[in-house]
PDB file of N, CA and C in Angstrom:
ATOM      1  N   MET A   1     103.373 103.902  93.911  1.00  0.00           N
ATOM      2  CA  MET A   1     102.444 102.826  94.194  1.00  0.00           C
ATOM      3  C   MET A   1     101.043 103.197  93.713  1.00  0.00           C
ATOM      4  N   ALA A   2     100.071 103.310  94.635  1.00  0.00           N
ATOM      5  CA  ALA A   2      98.687 103.552  94.224  1.00  0.00           C
ATOM      6  C   ALA A   2      98.159 104.876  94.765  1.00  0.00           C
ATOM      7  N   ASN A   3      97.218 105.456  94.009  1.00  0.00           N
ATOM      8  CA  ASN A   3      96.486 106.636  94.462  1.00  0.00           C
ATOM      9  C   ASN A   3      95.233 106.138  95.172  1.00  0.00           C
ATOM     10  N   ILE A   4      95.068 106.528  96.430  1.00  0.00           N
ATOM     11  CA  ILE A   4      94.004 105.963  97.261  1.00  0.00           C
ATOM     12  C   ILE A   4      93.110 107.054  97.839  1.00  0.00           C
ATOM     13  N   LEU A   5      91.808 106.768  97.849  1.00  0.00           N
ATOM     14  CA  LEU A   5      90.797 107.613  98.479  1.00  0.00           C
ATOM     15  C   LEU A   5      90.368 106.927  99.773  1.00  0.00           C
ATOM     16  N   ILE A   6      90.430 107.652 100.884  1.00  0.00           N
ATOM     17  CA  ILE A   6      89.980 107.141 102.181  1.00  0.00           C
ATOM     18  C   ILE A   6      88.633 107.781 102.498  1.00  0.00           C
ATOM     19  N   VAL A   7      87.625 106.954 102.818  1.00  0.00           N
ATOM     20  CA  VAL A   7      86.313 107.477 103.190  1.00  0.00           C
ATOM     21  C   VAL A   7      85.936 106.902 104.561  1.00  0.00           C
ATOM     22  N   ASP A   8      85.861 107.776 105.550  1.00  0.00           N
ATOM     23  CA  ASP A   8      85.534 107.361 106.920  1.00  0.00           C
ATOM     24  C   ASP A   8      85.092 108.603 107.679  1.00  0.00           C
ATOM     25  N   ASP A   9      84.031 108.487 108.466  1.00  0.00           N
ATOM     26  CA  ASP A   9      83.560 109.648 109.217  1.00  0.00           C
ATOM     27  C   ASP A   9      84.435 109.947 110.434  1.00  0.00           C
ATOM     28  N   SER A  10      85.281 109.015 110.824  1.00  0.00           N
ATOM     29  CA  SER A  10      86.171 109.214 111.967  1.00  0.00           C
ATOM     30  C   SER A  10      87.496 109.834 111.517  1.00  0.00           C
ATOM     31  N   ARG A  11      87.746 111.041 111.993  1.00  0.00           N
ATOM     32  CA  ARG A  11      88.997 111.732 111.642  1.00  0.00           C
ATOM     33  C   ARG A  11      90.206 110.921 112.104  1.00  0.00           C
ATOM     34  N   THR A  12      90.101 110.327 113.283  1.00  0.00           N
ATOM     35  CA  THR A  12      91.192 109.522 113.830  1.00  0.00           C
ATOM     36  C   THR A  12      91.475 108.317 112.944  1.00  0.00           C
ATOM     37  N   SER A  13      90.422 107.633 112.507  1.00  0.00           N
ATOM     38  CA  SER A  13      90.602 106.471 111.625  1.00  0.00           C
ATOM     39  C   SER A  13      91.240 106.871 110.305  1.00  0.00           C
ATOM     40  N   ARG A  14      90.792 108.004 109.739  1.00  0.00           N
ATOM     41  CA  ARG A  14      91.383 108.475 108.485  1.00  0.00           C
ATOM     42  C   ARG A  14      92.863 108.776 108.670  1.00  0.00           C
ATOM     43  N   LYS A  15      93.187 109.424 109.771  1.00  0.00           N
ATOM     44  CA  LYS A  15      94.575 109.799 110.046  1.00  0.00           C
ATOM     45  C   LYS A  15      95.456 108.553 110.206  1.00  0.00           C
ATOM     46  N   MET A  16      94.975 107.559 110.948  1.00  0.00           N
ATOM     47  CA  MET A  16      95.736 106.324 111.150  1.00  0.00           C
ATOM     48  C   MET A  16      95.954 105.591 109.831  1.00  0.00           C
ATOM     49  N   LEU A  17      94.888 105.471 109.041  1.00  0.00           N
ATOM     50  CA  LEU A  17      94.979 104.762 107.771  1.00  0.00           C
ATOM     51  C   LEU A  17      95.899 105.504 106.804  1.00  0.00           C
ATOM     52  N   ARG A  18      95.777 106.831 106.751  1.00  0.00           N
ATOM     53  CA  ARG A  18      96.646 107.645 105.890  1.00  0.00           C
ATOM     54  C   ARG A  18      98.110 107.387 106.228  1.00  0.00           C
ATOM     55  N   SER A  19      98.422 107.381 107.502  1.00  0.00           N
ATOM     56  CA  SER A  19      99.791 107.163 107.953  1.00  0.00           C
ATOM     57  C   SER A  19     100.313 105.802 107.484  1.00  0.00           C
ATOM     58  N   MET A  20      99.507 104.754 107.642  1.00  0.00           N
ATOM     59  CA  MET A  20      99.909 103.411 107.205  1.00  0.00           C
ATOM     60  C   MET A  20     100.116 103.345 105.697  1.00  0.00           C
ATOM     61  N   LEU A  21      99.196 103.951 104.958  1.00  0.00           N
ATOM     62  CA  LEU A  21      99.264 103.904 103.496  1.00  0.00           C
ATOM     63  C   LEU A  21     100.472 104.669 102.972  1.00  0.00           C
ATOM     64  N   GLU A  22     100.713 105.855 103.517  1.00  0.00           N
ATOM     65  CA  GLU A  22     101.852 106.653 103.065  1.00  0.00           C
ATOM     66  C   GLU A  22     103.171 105.980 103.434  1.00  0.00           C
ATOM     67  N   GLU A  23     103.207 105.341 104.591  1.00  0.00           N
ATOM     68  CA  GLU A  23     104.398 104.601 105.013  1.00  0.00           C
ATOM     69  C   GLU A  23     104.696 103.460 104.034  1.00  0.00           C
ATOM     70  N   ALA A  24     103.640 102.895 103.450  1.00  0.00           N
ATOM     71  CA  ALA A  24     103.791 101.800 102.488  1.00  0.00           C
ATOM     72  C   ALA A  24     104.074 102.311 101.073  1.00  0.00           C
ATOM     73  N   GLY A  25     104.153 103.638 100.897  1.00  0.00           N
ATOM     74  CA  GLY A  25     104.497 104.200  99.598  1.00  0.00           C
ATOM     75  C   GLY A  25     103.324 104.634  98.742  1.00  0.00           C
ATOM     76  N   HIS A  26     102.110 104.555  99.272  1.00  0.00           N
ATOM     77  CA  HIS A  26     100.925 104.966  98.519  1.00  0.00           C
ATOM     78  C   HIS A  26     100.685 106.463  98.690  1.00  0.00           C
ATOM     79  N   VAL A  27      99.855 107.019  97.816  1.00  0.00           N
ATOM     80  CA  VAL A  27      99.496 108.435  97.888  1.00  0.00           C
ATOM     81  C   VAL A  27      98.005 108.534  98.196  1.00  0.00           C
ATOM     82  N   VAL A  28      97.666 109.219  99.274  1.00  0.00           N
ATOM     83  CA  VAL A  28      96.260 109.458  99.594  1.00  0.00           C
ATOM     84  C   VAL A  28      95.861 110.724  98.841  1.00  0.00           C
ATOM     85  N   VAL A  29      95.057 110.549  97.783  1.00  0.00           N
ATOM     86  CA  VAL A  29      94.711 111.671  96.909  1.00  0.00           C
ATOM     87  C   VAL A  29      93.537 112.486  97.429  1.00  0.00           C
ATOM     88  N   ALA A  30      92.730 111.886  98.314  1.00  0.00           N
ATOM     89  CA  ALA A  30      91.591 112.607  98.890  1.00  0.00           C
ATOM     90  C   ALA A  30      91.041 111.813 100.064  1.00  0.00           C
ATOM     91  N   GLU A  31      90.248 112.519 100.881  1.00  0.00           N
ATOM     92  CA  GLU A  31      89.557 111.894 102.000  1.00  0.00           C
ATOM     93  C   GLU A  31      88.104 112.332 101.964  1.00  0.00           C
ATOM     94  N   GLY A  32      87.205 111.404 102.255  1.00  0.00           N
ATOM     95  CA  GLY A  32      85.785 111.708 102.353  1.00  0.00           C
ATOM     96  C   GLY A  32      85.322 111.490 103.779  1.00  0.00           C
ATOM     97  N   VAL A  33      84.343 112.299 104.228  1.00  0.00           N
ATOM     98  CA  VAL A  33      83.890 112.231 105.614  1.00  0.00           C
ATOM     99  C   VAL A  33      82.573 111.472 105.792  1.00  0.00           C
ATOM    100  N   ASN A  34      81.922 111.109 104.681  1.00  0.00           N
ATOM    101  CA  ASN A  34      80.723 110.271 104.718  1.00  0.00           C
ATOM    102  C   ASN A  34      80.557 109.646 103.333  1.00  0.00           C
ATOM    103  N   GLY A  35      79.574 108.777 103.182  1.00  0.00           N
ATOM    104  CA  GLY A  35      79.409 108.066 101.923  1.00  0.00           C
ATOM    105  C   GLY A  35      79.145 108.964 100.725  1.00  0.00           C
ATOM    106  N   GLU A  36      78.350 110.001 100.923  1.00  0.00           N
ATOM    107  CA  GLU A  36      78.043 110.920  99.822  1.00  0.00           C
ATOM    108  C   GLU A  36      79.288 111.701  99.403  1.00  0.00           C
ATOM    109  N   ASP A  37      80.000 112.217 100.389  1.00  0.00           N
ATOM    110  CA  ASP A  37      81.241 112.950 100.137  1.00  0.00           C
ATOM    111  C   ASP A  37      82.252 112.036  99.441  1.00  0.00           C
ATOM    112  N   GLY A  38      82.334 110.797  99.900  1.00  0.00           N
ATOM    113  CA  GLY A  38      83.254 109.829  99.299  1.00  0.00           C
ATOM    114  C   GLY A  38      82.933 109.556  97.844  1.00  0.00           C
ATOM    115  N   TYR A  39      81.651 109.432  97.527  1.00  0.00           N
ATOM    116  CA  TYR A  39      81.236 109.191  96.142  1.00  0.00           C
ATOM    117  C   TYR A  39      81.619 110.375  95.255  1.00  0.00           C
ATOM    118  N   GLN A  40      81.374 111.590  95.735  1.00  0.00           N
ATOM    119  CA  GLN A  40      81.734 112.785  94.958  1.00  0.00           C
ATOM    120  C   GLN A  40      83.245 112.866  94.749  1.00  0.00           C
ATOM    121  N   LYS A  41      84.012 112.582  95.802  1.00  0.00           N
ATOM    122  CA  LYS A  41      85.476 112.613  95.690  1.00  0.00           C
ATOM    123  C   LYS A  41      85.960 111.531  94.729  1.00  0.00           C
ATOM    124  N   PHE A  42      85.312 110.366  94.749  1.00  0.00           N
ATOM    125  CA  PHE A  42      85.683 109.291  93.832  1.00  0.00           C
ATOM    126  C   PHE A  42      85.569 109.779  92.387  1.00  0.00           C
ATOM    127  N   LYS A  43      84.463 110.445  92.067  1.00  0.00           N
ATOM    128  CA  LYS A  43      84.265 110.947  90.703  1.00  0.00           C
ATOM    129  C   LYS A  43      85.290 112.022  90.348  1.00  0.00           C
ATOM    130  N   GLU A  44      85.702 112.821  91.324  1.00  0.00           N
ATOM    131  CA  GLU A  44      86.665 113.898  91.078  1.00  0.00           C
ATOM    132  C   GLU A  44      88.085 113.389  90.857  1.00  0.00           C
ATOM    133  N   VAL A  45      88.539 112.448  91.699  1.00  0.00           N
ATOM    134  CA  VAL A  45      89.958 112.067  91.683  1.00  0.00           C
ATOM    135  C   VAL A  45      90.260 110.740  90.993  1.00  0.00           C
ATOM    136  N   ASN A  46      89.240 109.928  90.707  1.00  0.00           N
ATOM    137  CA  ASN A  46      89.421 108.647  90.020  1.00  0.00           C
ATOM    138  C   ASN A  46      90.600 107.841  90.589  1.00  0.00           C
ATOM    139  N   PRO A  47      90.509 107.450  91.864  1.00  0.00           N
ATOM    140  CA  PRO A  47      91.630 106.755  92.515  1.00  0.00           C
ATOM    141  C   PRO A  47      91.808 105.321  92.020  1.00  0.00           C
ATOM    142  N   ASP A  48      92.984 104.765  92.295  1.00  0.00           N
ATOM    143  CA  ASP A  48      93.245 103.359  91.976  1.00  0.00           C
ATOM    144  C   ASP A  48      92.504 102.442  92.938  1.00  0.00           C
ATOM    145  N   LEU A  49      92.244 102.955  94.140  1.00  0.00           N
ATOM    146  CA  LEU A  49      91.660 102.146  95.206  1.00  0.00           C
ATOM    147  C   LEU A  49      90.919 103.044  96.186  1.00  0.00           C
ATOM    148  N   VAL A  50      89.831 102.511  96.754  1.00  0.00           N
ATOM    149  CA  VAL A  50      89.057 103.236  97.760  1.00  0.00           C
ATOM    150  C   VAL A  50      88.987 102.387  99.024  1.00  0.00           C
ATOM    151  N   THR A  51      89.221 103.008 100.190  1.00  0.00           N
ATOM    152  CA  THR A  51      88.897 102.352 101.453  1.00  0.00           C
ATOM    153  C   THR A  51      87.636 103.037 101.951  1.00  0.00           C
ATOM    154  N   LEU A  52      86.624 102.252 102.272  1.00  0.00           N
ATOM    155  CA  LEU A  52      85.295 102.788 102.539  1.00  0.00           C
ATOM    156  C   LEU A  52      84.737 102.197 103.830  1.00  0.00           C
ATOM    157  N   ASP A  53      84.539 103.040 104.836  1.00  0.00           N
ATOM    158  CA  ASP A  53      83.958 102.586 106.096  1.00  0.00           C
ATOM    159  C   ASP A  53      82.503 102.200 105.854  1.00  0.00           C
ATOM    160  N   ILE A  54      82.032 101.157 106.520  1.00  0.00           N
ATOM    161  CA  ILE A  54      80.650 100.720 106.321  1.00  0.00           C
ATOM    162  C   ILE A  54      79.664 101.627 107.050  1.00  0.00           C
ATOM    163  N   THR A  55      79.948 101.968 108.297  1.00  0.00           N
ATOM    164  CA  THR A  55      78.998 102.721 109.112  1.00  0.00           C
ATOM    165  C   THR A  55      79.365 104.201 109.128  1.00  0.00           C
ATOM    166  N   MET A  56      78.558 104.999 108.398  1.00  0.00           N
ATOM    167  CA  MET A  56      78.792 106.448 108.308  1.00  0.00           C
ATOM    168  C   MET A  56      77.459 107.178 108.216  1.00  0.00           C
ATOM    169  N   PRO A  57      77.444 108.469 108.569  1.00  0.00           N
ATOM    170  CA  PRO A  57      76.220 109.262 108.432  1.00  0.00           C
ATOM    171  C   PRO A  57      75.982 109.682 106.979  1.00  0.00           C
ATOM    172  N   VAL A  58      74.843 110.280 106.744  1.00  0.00           N
ATOM    173  CA  VAL A  58      74.392 110.808 105.447  1.00  0.00           C
ATOM    174  C   VAL A  58      74.131 109.671 104.464  1.00  0.00           C
ATOM    175  N   LEU A  59      75.171 108.943 104.093  1.00  0.00           N
ATOM    176  CA  LEU A  59      75.062 107.812 103.171  1.00  0.00           C
ATOM    177  C   LEU A  59      76.034 106.767 103.696  1.00  0.00           C
ATOM    178  N   ASP A  60      75.542 105.577 104.032  1.00  0.00           N
ATOM    179  CA  ASP A  60      76.465 104.599 104.610  1.00  0.00           C
ATOM    180  C   ASP A  60      77.362 103.987 103.540  1.00  0.00           C
ATOM    181  N   GLY A  61      78.340 103.213 103.996  1.00  0.00           N
ATOM    182  CA  GLY A  61      79.329 102.646 103.089  1.00  0.00           C
ATOM    183  C   GLY A  61      78.756 101.717 102.044  1.00  0.00           C
ATOM    184  N   LEU A  62      77.723 100.955 102.406  1.00  0.00           N
ATOM    185  CA  LEU A  62      77.128 100.032 101.437  1.00  0.00           C
ATOM    186  C   LEU A  62      76.447 100.789 100.300  1.00  0.00           C
ATOM    187  N   GLU A  63      75.713 101.848 100.647  1.00  0.00           N
ATOM    188  CA  GLU A  63      75.059 102.662  99.616  1.00  0.00           C
ATOM    189  C   GLU A  63      76.100 103.354  98.741  1.00  0.00           C
ATOM    190  N   SER A  64      77.138 103.871  99.365  1.00  0.00           N
ATOM    191  CA  SER A  64      78.206 104.529  98.620  1.00  0.00           C
ATOM    192  C   SER A  64      78.911 103.535  97.697  1.00  0.00           C
ATOM    193  N   LEU A  65      79.164 102.326  98.197  1.00  0.00           N
ATOM    194  CA  LEU A  65      79.780 101.273  97.383  1.00  0.00           C
ATOM    195  C   LEU A  65      78.951 101.001  96.135  1.00  0.00           C
ATOM    196  N   GLN A  66      77.643 100.868  96.304  1.00  0.00           N
ATOM    197  CA  GLN A  66      76.769 100.605  95.156  1.00  0.00           C
ATOM    198  C   GLN A  66      76.834 101.738  94.136  1.00  0.00           C
ATOM    199  N   MET A  67      76.864 102.977  94.607  1.00  0.00           N
ATOM    200  CA  MET A  67      76.944 104.118  93.697  1.00  0.00           C
ATOM    201  C   MET A  67      78.287 104.148  92.965  1.00  0.00           C
ATOM    202  N   ILE A  68      79.371 103.869  93.693  1.00  0.00           N
ATOM    203  CA  ILE A  68      80.702 103.848  93.081  1.00  0.00           C
ATOM    204  C   ILE A  68      80.775 102.760  92.020  1.00  0.00           C
ATOM    205  N   LYS A  69      80.275 101.567  92.330  1.00  0.00           N
ATOM    206  CA  LYS A  69      80.327 100.451  91.378  1.00  0.00           C
ATOM    207  C   LYS A  69      79.421 100.705  90.171  1.00  0.00           C
ATOM    208  N   GLN A  70      78.317 101.405  90.386  1.00  0.00           N
ATOM    209  CA  GLN A  70      77.441 101.754  89.267  1.00  0.00           C
ATOM    210  C   GLN A  70      78.132 102.771  88.357  1.00  0.00           C
ATOM    211  N   TYR A  71      78.853 103.705  88.951  1.00  0.00           N
ATOM    212  CA  TYR A  71      79.582 104.727  88.194  1.00  0.00           C
ATOM    213  C   TYR A  71      80.767 104.115  87.459  1.00  0.00           C
ATOM    214  N   ASN A  72      81.480 103.202  88.139  1.00  0.00           N
ATOM    215  CA  ASN A  72      82.651 102.547  87.553  1.00  0.00           C
ATOM    216  C   ASN A  72      82.710 101.108  88.055  1.00  0.00           C
ATOM    217  N   GLY A  73      82.245 100.191  87.240  1.00  0.00           N
ATOM    218  CA  GLY A  73      82.195  98.782  87.611  1.00  0.00           C
ATOM    219  C   GLY A  73      83.545  98.166  87.910  1.00  0.00           C
ATOM    220  N   GLU A  74      84.625  98.809  87.453  1.00  0.00           N
ATOM    221  CA  GLU A  74      85.981  98.291  87.676  1.00  0.00           C
ATOM    222  C   GLU A  74      86.615  98.843  88.956  1.00  0.00           C
ATOM    223  N   ALA A  75      85.909  99.707  89.663  1.00  0.00           N
ATOM    224  CA  ALA A  75      86.462 100.333  90.873  1.00  0.00           C
ATOM    225  C   ALA A  75      86.875  99.278  91.891  1.00  0.00           C
ATOM    226  N   LYS A  76      88.041  99.494  92.496  1.00  0.00           N
ATOM    227  CA  LYS A  76      88.550  98.589  93.532  1.00  0.00           C
ATOM    228  C   LYS A  76      88.256  99.227  94.885  1.00  0.00           C
ATOM    229  N   VAL A  77      87.405  98.554  95.657  1.00  0.00           N
ATOM    230  CA  VAL A  77      86.959  99.102  96.936  1.00  0.00           C
ATOM    231  C   VAL A  77      87.204  98.094  98.055  1.00  0.00           C
ATOM    232  N   ILE A  78      87.866  98.554  99.105  1.00  0.00           N
ATOM    233  CA  ILE A  78      88.065  97.758 100.310  1.00  0.00           C
ATOM    234  C   ILE A  78      87.174  98.357 101.391  1.00  0.00           C
ATOM    235  N   MET A  79      86.316  97.536 101.961  1.00  0.00           N
ATOM    236  CA  MET A  79      85.423  98.005 103.013  1.00  0.00           C
ATOM    237  C   MET A  79      86.129  97.935 104.362  1.00  0.00           C
ATOM    238  N   ILE A  80      85.865  98.936 105.182  1.00  0.00           N
ATOM    239  CA  ILE A  80      86.405  98.999 106.538  1.00  0.00           C
ATOM    240  C   ILE A  80      85.232  98.774 107.489  1.00  0.00           C
ATOM    241  N   THR A  81      85.394  97.852 108.429  1.00  0.00           N
ATOM    242  CA  THR A  81      84.298  97.531 109.329  1.00  0.00           C
ATOM    243  C   THR A  81      84.789  97.274 110.745  1.00  0.00           C
ATOM    244  N   ALA A  82      83.917  97.504 111.692  1.00  0.00           N
ATOM    245  CA  ALA A  82      84.226  97.158 113.079  1.00  0.00           C
ATOM    246  C   ALA A  82      83.989  95.663 113.251  1.00  0.00           C
ATOM    247  N   ALA A  83      84.656  95.077 114.206  1.00  0.00           N
ATOM    248  CA  ALA A  83      84.450  93.657 114.487  1.00  0.00           C
ATOM    249  C   ALA A  83      82.974  93.422 114.815  1.00  0.00           C
ATOM    250  N   GLY A  84      82.454  92.283 114.404  1.00  0.00           N
ATOM    251  CA  GLY A  84      81.074  91.942 114.718  1.00  0.00           C
ATOM    252  C   GLY A  84      80.056  92.401 113.694  1.00  0.00           C
ATOM    253  N   GLN A  85      80.496  92.878 112.545  1.00  0.00           N
ATOM    254  CA  GLN A  85      79.559  93.315 111.499  1.00  0.00           C
ATOM    255  C   GLN A  85      79.582  92.338 110.328  1.00  0.00           C
ATOM    256  N   LYS A  86      79.559  91.047 110.642  1.00  0.00           N
ATOM    257  CA  LYS A  86      79.688  90.011 109.622  1.00  0.00           C
ATOM    258  C   LYS A  86      78.612  90.124 108.539  1.00  0.00           C
ATOM    259  N   GLU A  87      77.384  90.388 108.937  1.00  0.00           N
ATOM    260  CA  GLU A  87      76.283  90.489 107.977  1.00  0.00           C
ATOM    261  C   GLU A  87      76.541  91.607 106.961  1.00  0.00           C
ATOM    262  N   LYS A  88      77.020  92.740 107.445  1.00  0.00           N
ATOM    263  CA  LYS A  88      77.315  93.862 106.549  1.00  0.00           C
ATOM    264  C   LYS A  88      78.510  93.553 105.650  1.00  0.00           C
ATOM    265  N   MET A  89      79.490  92.804 106.166  1.00  0.00           N
ATOM    266  CA  MET A  89      80.644  92.424 105.343  1.00  0.00           C
ATOM    267  C   MET A  89      80.195  91.541 104.184  1.00  0.00           C
ATOM    268  N   ILE A  90      79.329  90.587 104.474  1.00  0.00           N
ATOM    269  CA  ILE A  90      78.816  89.689 103.432  1.00  0.00           C
ATOM    270  C   ILE A  90      78.058  90.496 102.388  1.00  0.00           C
ATOM    271  N   GLN A  91      77.231  91.412 102.845  1.00  0.00           N
ATOM    272  CA  GLN A  91      76.467  92.269 101.927  1.00  0.00           C
ATOM    273  C   GLN A  91      77.408  93.109 101.060  1.00  0.00           C
ATOM    274  N   ALA A  92      78.476  93.617 101.648  1.00  0.00           N
ATOM    275  CA  ALA A  92      79.437  94.439 100.902  1.00  0.00           C
ATOM    276  C   ALA A  92      80.120  93.627  99.804  1.00  0.00           C
ATOM    277  N   ILE A  93      80.505  92.404 100.098  1.00  0.00           N
ATOM    278  CA  ILE A  93      81.135  91.543  99.090  1.00  0.00           C
ATOM    279  C   ILE A  93      80.144  91.281  97.955  1.00  0.00           C
ATOM    280  N   LYS A  94      78.886  91.042  98.295  1.00  0.00           N
ATOM    281  CA  LYS A  94      77.847  90.820  97.271  1.00  0.00           C
ATOM    282  C   LYS A  94      77.650  92.059  96.400  1.00  0.00           C
ATOM    283  N   CYS A  95      77.880  93.242  96.980  1.00  0.00           N
ATOM    284  CA  CYS A  95      77.710  94.502  96.240  1.00  0.00           C
ATOM    285  C   CYS A  95      78.949  94.881  95.434  1.00  0.00           C
ATOM    286  N   GLY A  96      80.002  94.079  95.527  1.00  0.00           N
ATOM    287  CA  GLY A  96      81.166  94.342  94.692  1.00  0.00           C
ATOM    288  C   GLY A  96      82.437  94.766  95.401  1.00  0.00           C
ATOM    289  N   ALA A  97      82.436  94.768  96.730  1.00  0.00           N
ATOM    290  CA  ALA A  97      83.673  95.096  97.449  1.00  0.00           C
ATOM    291  C   ALA A  97      84.715  94.026  97.147  1.00  0.00           C
ATOM    292  N   ALA A  98      85.943  94.457  96.946  1.00  0.00           N
ATOM    293  CA  ALA A  98      87.015  93.519  96.622  1.00  0.00           C
ATOM    294  C   ALA A  98      87.496  92.771  97.856  1.00  0.00           C
ATOM    295  N   GLU A  99      87.432  93.433  99.004  1.00  0.00           N
ATOM    296  CA  GLU A  99      87.997  92.856 100.231  1.00  0.00           C
ATOM    297  C   GLU A  99      87.509  93.693 101.399  1.00  0.00           C
ATOM    298  N   PHE A 100      87.830  93.301 102.617  1.00  0.00           N
ATOM    299  CA  PHE A 100      87.483  94.112 103.777  1.00  0.00           C
ATOM    300  C   PHE A 100      88.591  94.057 104.815  1.00  0.00           C
ATOM    301  N   ILE A 101      88.650  95.102 105.635  1.00  0.00           N
ATOM    302  CA  ILE A 101      89.609  95.216 106.731  1.00  0.00           C
ATOM    303  C   ILE A 101      88.801  95.505 107.988  1.00  0.00           C
ATOM    304  N   VAL A 102      89.139  94.817 109.077  1.00  0.00           N
ATOM    305  CA  VAL A 102      88.429  94.994 110.339  1.00  0.00           C
ATOM    306  C   VAL A 102      89.208  95.935 111.256  1.00  0.00           C
ATOM    307  N   LYS A 103      88.478  96.888 111.851  1.00  0.00           N
ATOM    308  CA  LYS A 103      89.071  97.773 112.855  1.00  0.00           C
ATOM    309  C   LYS A 103      89.152  97.007 114.167  1.00  0.00           C
ATOM    310  N   PRO A 104      90.111  97.258 115.028  1.00  0.00           N
ATOM    311  CA  PRO A 104      91.196  98.222 114.868  1.00  0.00           C
ATOM    312  C   PRO A 104      92.201  97.756 113.822  1.00  0.00           C
ATOM    313  N   TYR A 105      92.846  98.716 113.172  1.00  0.00           N
ATOM    314  CA  TYR A 105      93.759  98.411 112.081  1.00  0.00           C
ATOM    315  C   TYR A 105      94.992  97.647 112.546  1.00  0.00           C
ATOM    316  N   ASP A 106      95.371  96.672 111.743  1.00  0.00           N
ATOM    317  CA  ASP A 106      96.645  95.980 111.908  1.00  0.00           C
ATOM    318  C   ASP A 106      97.478  96.379 110.698  1.00  0.00           C
ATOM    319  N   ASN A 107      98.597  97.037 110.933  1.00  0.00           N
ATOM    320  CA  ASN A 107      99.418  97.591 109.857  1.00  0.00           C
ATOM    321  C   ASN A 107      99.736  96.558 108.780  1.00  0.00           C
ATOM    322  N   GLU A 108     100.137  95.374 109.183  1.00  0.00           N
ATOM    323  CA  GLU A 108     100.508  94.337 108.217  1.00  0.00           C
ATOM    324  C   GLU A 108      99.298  93.868 107.417  1.00  0.00           C
ATOM    325  N   GLU A 109      98.152  93.711 108.081  1.00  0.00           N
ATOM    326  CA  GLU A 109      96.930  93.292 107.392  1.00  0.00           C
ATOM    327  C   GLU A 109      96.511  94.333 106.352  1.00  0.00           C
ATOM    328  N   VAL A 110      96.601  95.602 106.719  1.00  0.00           N
ATOM    329  CA  VAL A 110      96.245  96.682 105.792  1.00  0.00           C
ATOM    330  C   VAL A 110      97.130  96.611 104.550  1.00  0.00           C
ATOM    331  N   LYS A 111      98.433  96.513 104.742  1.00  0.00           N
ATOM    332  CA  LYS A 111      99.370  96.464 103.609  1.00  0.00           C
ATOM    333  C   LYS A 111      99.110  95.257 102.713  1.00  0.00           C
ATOM    334  N   LEU A 112      98.937  94.084 103.322  1.00  0.00           N
ATOM    335  CA  LEU A 112      98.721  92.862 102.537  1.00  0.00           C
ATOM    336  C   LEU A 112      97.403  92.897 101.774  1.00  0.00           C
ATOM    337  N   THR A 113      96.357  93.394 102.414  1.00  0.00           N
ATOM    338  CA  THR A 113      95.048  93.473 101.758  1.00  0.00           C
ATOM    339  C   THR A 113      95.106  94.413 100.562  1.00  0.00           C
ATOM    340  N   ILE A 114      95.760  95.546 100.712  1.00  0.00           N
ATOM    341  CA  ILE A 114      95.873  96.505  99.612  1.00  0.00           C
ATOM    342  C   ILE A 114      96.699  95.922  98.469  1.00  0.00           C
ATOM    343  N   GLN A 115      97.804  95.272  98.786  1.00  0.00           N
ATOM    344  CA  GLN A 115      98.617  94.628  97.741  1.00  0.00           C
ATOM    345  C   GLN A 115      97.797  93.599  96.974  1.00  0.00           C
ATOM    346  N   LYS A 116      97.041  92.804  97.705  1.00  0.00           N
ATOM    347  CA  LYS A 116      96.213  91.752  97.104  1.00  0.00           C
ATOM    348  C   LYS A 116      95.182  92.344  96.134  1.00  0.00           C
ATOM    349  N   VAL A 117      94.484  93.383  96.575  1.00  0.00           N
ATOM    350  CA  VAL A 117      93.444  93.995  95.742  1.00  0.00           C
ATOM    351  C   VAL A 117      94.050  94.687  94.522  1.00  0.00           C
ATOM    352  N   LEU A 118      95.169  95.360  94.698  1.00  0.00           N
ATOM    353  CA  LEU A 118      95.807  96.051  93.570  1.00  0.00           C
ATOM    354  C   LEU A 118      96.355  95.072  92.536  1.00  0.00           C
ATOM    355  N   ALA A 119      96.664  93.852  92.949  1.00  0.00           N
ATOM    356  CA  ALA A 119      97.224  92.852  92.037  1.00  0.00           C
ATOM    357  C   ALA A 119      96.192  92.330  91.038  1.00  0.00           C
ATOM    358  N   PHE A 120      94.904  92.522  91.328  1.00  0.00           N
ATOM    359  CA  PHE A 120      93.855  92.010  90.435  1.00  0.00           C
ATOM    360  C   PHE A 120      93.426  93.029  89.420  1.00  0.00           C
TER     361      PHE A 120
END
């Protein structure tokens, strides 16, 4: 399936998402713990898809998204957000995010969103 980079400061969230993605047949090629780390890992592993949490320390998801899109305009990025962050979701779409997933994760929603983004 796809090589995916997970970027989230929450170890638990990364672990849950990794489990869902691997169950769906994807390969998690790397994990980032903040936006800066995620950007560096993106350049190293050149994944097919990135899941990027919006709220993180050091460099937030929106800043990291902008850097990733500047580095590779074709990058496919799905933003991960907590419920109630509508303003940030809108900003992320304007910055080039392909789609977004709201926490807590719904296994079926995660799979469908990833399939949708990979199809484009």
